[in-house]
Protein backbone atom coordinates (compact mmCIF):
# COMPACT_ATOMS: atom_id res chain seq x y z
CA MET A 1 85.86 -112.66 29.14
CA LYS A 2 86.84 -110.95 32.45
CA LEU A 3 90.18 -113.28 32.31
CA LYS A 4 91.08 -112.01 28.87
CA ARG A 5 90.52 -108.42 30.04
CA VAL A 6 93.14 -108.97 32.93
CA PHE A 7 95.56 -110.71 30.78
CA ALA A 8 95.51 -107.83 28.30
CA LEU A 9 95.99 -105.45 31.04
CA ILE A 10 98.94 -107.45 32.42
CA ILE A 11 100.55 -107.52 28.77
CA LEU A 12 100.04 -103.64 28.50
CA ALA A 13 101.63 -103.04 32.03
CA CYS A 14 104.53 -105.24 31.03
CA ILE A 15 105.10 -103.43 27.96
CA GLY A 16 104.84 -100.03 29.60
CA LEU A 17 107.55 -101.24 32.01
CA GLY A 18 109.78 -102.37 29.43
CA VAL A 19 109.47 -106.10 30.62
CA TYR A 20 107.82 -107.46 27.60
CA GLY A 21 109.09 -106.85 24.11
CA GLN A 22 111.99 -104.90 25.22
CA THR A 23 114.20 -103.75 22.07
CA THR A 24 117.57 -105.31 21.71
CA VAL A 25 120.82 -103.41 21.01
CA THR A 26 124.12 -104.53 19.25
CA VAL A 27 127.28 -102.41 18.98
CA SER A 28 129.84 -103.43 16.47
CA SER A 29 132.64 -102.08 14.63
CA THR A 30 135.09 -102.81 11.71
CA GLU A 31 138.04 -101.08 13.34
CA PRO A 32 140.77 -103.66 13.97
CA ASP A 33 142.01 -104.40 17.64
CA PRO A 34 144.31 -102.92 18.47
CA THR A 35 143.99 -99.79 16.61
CA ASN A 36 146.07 -96.54 16.46
CA SER A 37 143.25 -94.69 14.62
CA THR A 38 142.60 -91.17 16.49
CA SER A 39 138.81 -91.84 15.60
CA PHE A 40 136.64 -94.97 14.52
CA SER A 41 133.40 -95.65 13.58
CA VAL A 42 130.87 -97.81 15.40
CA THR A 43 127.53 -99.17 14.18
CA ILE A 44 124.57 -99.36 16.58
CA VAL A 45 121.42 -101.54 15.64
CA PHE A 46 118.41 -101.72 17.51
CA SER A 47 115.73 -104.49 16.88
CA SER A 48 113.00 -101.93 16.26
CA ALA A 49 112.71 -98.26 15.38
CA VAL A 50 113.38 -96.09 18.58
CA THR A 51 112.91 -92.53 19.60
CA ASP A 52 114.77 -90.14 21.65
CA PHE A 53 118.28 -91.62 21.02
CA VAL A 54 121.03 -88.90 21.09
CA VAL A 55 124.80 -89.30 21.24
CA GLY A 56 124.87 -88.57 25.07
CA ASP A 57 123.14 -91.89 25.37
CA ILE A 58 126.23 -93.76 24.24
CA SER A 59 128.64 -94.88 27.26
CA VAL A 60 132.30 -94.74 26.16
CA THR A 61 134.94 -95.27 28.87
CA ASN A 62 138.46 -93.74 27.78
CA GLY A 63 136.94 -91.94 24.96
CA SER A 64 134.04 -89.76 23.47
CA ALA A 65 131.09 -90.22 20.94
CA SER A 66 130.20 -87.85 18.40
CA ASN A 67 128.49 -87.63 14.72
CA LEU A 68 125.64 -89.79 15.63
CA ASN A 69 123.54 -90.47 12.36
CA THR A 70 120.55 -92.60 11.08
CA SER A 71 118.37 -92.80 8.32
CA ASP A 72 115.47 -95.15 9.82
CA ASN A 73 115.85 -94.90 13.65
CA ILE A 74 117.07 -98.66 13.62
CA THR A 75 120.67 -98.69 12.57
CA TYR A 76 122.77 -95.64 13.67
CA THR A 77 126.30 -94.92 13.26
CA ALA A 78 128.76 -92.76 15.50
CA ASP A 79 132.29 -91.77 15.74
CA ILE A 80 134.53 -92.84 18.80
CA THR A 81 137.60 -90.83 19.87
CA PRO A 82 139.97 -92.30 22.32
CA SER A 83 141.28 -90.20 25.08
CA ALA A 84 144.34 -91.95 25.99
CA ASP A 85 146.17 -95.27 25.34
CA GLY A 86 144.49 -98.11 26.75
CA THR A 87 140.89 -100.00 26.35
CA VAL A 88 137.99 -97.92 24.87
CA SER A 89 134.82 -99.34 25.73
CA VAL A 90 131.43 -98.48 24.21
CA GLN A 91 128.09 -99.58 25.31
CA VAL A 92 124.36 -98.49 24.97
CA PRO A 93 122.88 -98.59 28.44
CA ALA A 94 119.35 -100.11 29.42
CA ASP A 95 116.42 -97.73 29.00
CA VAL A 96 117.82 -94.70 26.99
CA THR A 97 115.31 -94.96 24.10
CA THR A 98 111.53 -95.57 23.65
CA THR A 99 110.01 -97.70 21.04
CA GLY A 100 106.92 -96.91 19.12
CA THR A 101 104.95 -99.32 21.61
CA GLY A 102 106.38 -97.32 24.66
CA GLY A 103 108.85 -100.04 25.38
CA ASN A 104 112.53 -99.29 26.33
CA ASN A 105 116.01 -100.92 25.24
CA SER A 106 117.85 -103.51 26.92
CA ALA A 107 121.59 -102.87 27.56
CA SER A 108 123.78 -103.50 24.64
CA ASN A 109 126.87 -105.47 24.32
CA ILE A 110 130.08 -103.91 25.19
CA LEU A 111 132.48 -103.30 22.61
CA THR A 112 136.13 -102.95 23.29
CA ARG A 113 138.99 -101.67 21.23
CA GLU A 114 142.59 -101.34 22.53
CA TYR A 115 143.99 -98.04 21.55
CA ASP A 116 147.83 -97.49 21.06
CA SER A 117 148.87 -94.34 19.75
CA THR A 118 152.50 -94.71 21.18
CA ASP A 119 155.14 -95.39 18.44
CA PRO A 120 157.81 -97.96 19.33
CA SER A 121 161.26 -96.79 19.91
CA ILE A 122 164.81 -98.13 19.33
CA SER A 123 166.12 -98.43 22.87
CA SER A 124 169.53 -99.81 21.83
CA VAL A 125 172.02 -100.91 19.09
CA THR A 126 174.70 -103.48 19.56
CA ILE A 127 177.70 -104.01 16.95
CA PRO A 128 180.50 -106.32 17.75
CA ASP A 129 183.90 -104.61 18.25
CA ALA A 130 185.46 -106.92 15.84
CA ALA A 131 187.44 -104.99 12.86
CA MET A 132 185.26 -105.33 9.81
CA ASN A 133 186.12 -105.06 5.99
CA VAL A 134 183.96 -103.73 3.06
CA GLY A 135 181.48 -106.64 2.17
CA ASP A 136 181.83 -108.45 5.59
CA VAL A 137 178.32 -109.74 6.94
CA VAL A 138 177.77 -108.07 10.64
CA THR A 139 175.32 -109.32 13.08
CA ALA A 140 173.83 -106.46 15.14
CA THR A 141 171.19 -106.49 17.81
CA ILE A 142 168.52 -103.79 17.81
CA THR A 143 166.20 -103.52 21.01
CA VAL A 144 162.81 -102.01 20.23
CA THR A 145 160.55 -100.97 23.27
CA SER A 146 156.96 -100.68 23.01
CA ASP A 147 154.00 -100.34 25.73
CA THR A 148 151.97 -103.25 23.98
């Protein structure tokens, strides 16, 4: 009987420390990669209902998160707005939420999207100096530059 009580106390201690039964988190998006969208949606799914999850708990590199919504405290959506061209990373760090049993969440995967808002430009057009007549086929070389 004593051994069962000790075992139960160890399990309760582990749950309280977030070691046992830790809630997992997955971040995903249907946004193509690369993207030139000025804002895109991510879906954040916890393996069980959580409390105290707020938009500030989402870690975003090269951007910001806003408009966090949920209807069940398991599946959330948020808008991500890139700050500049380059890689945008989104993650939910470990231990930012609490479950109904008092446990915490593990760190999510890191979702990345390459943001490119710079339009390509034409840097040069080369046309042969030969005399041309109406209807002639001309071969021209057009050089386009882009940062990606």
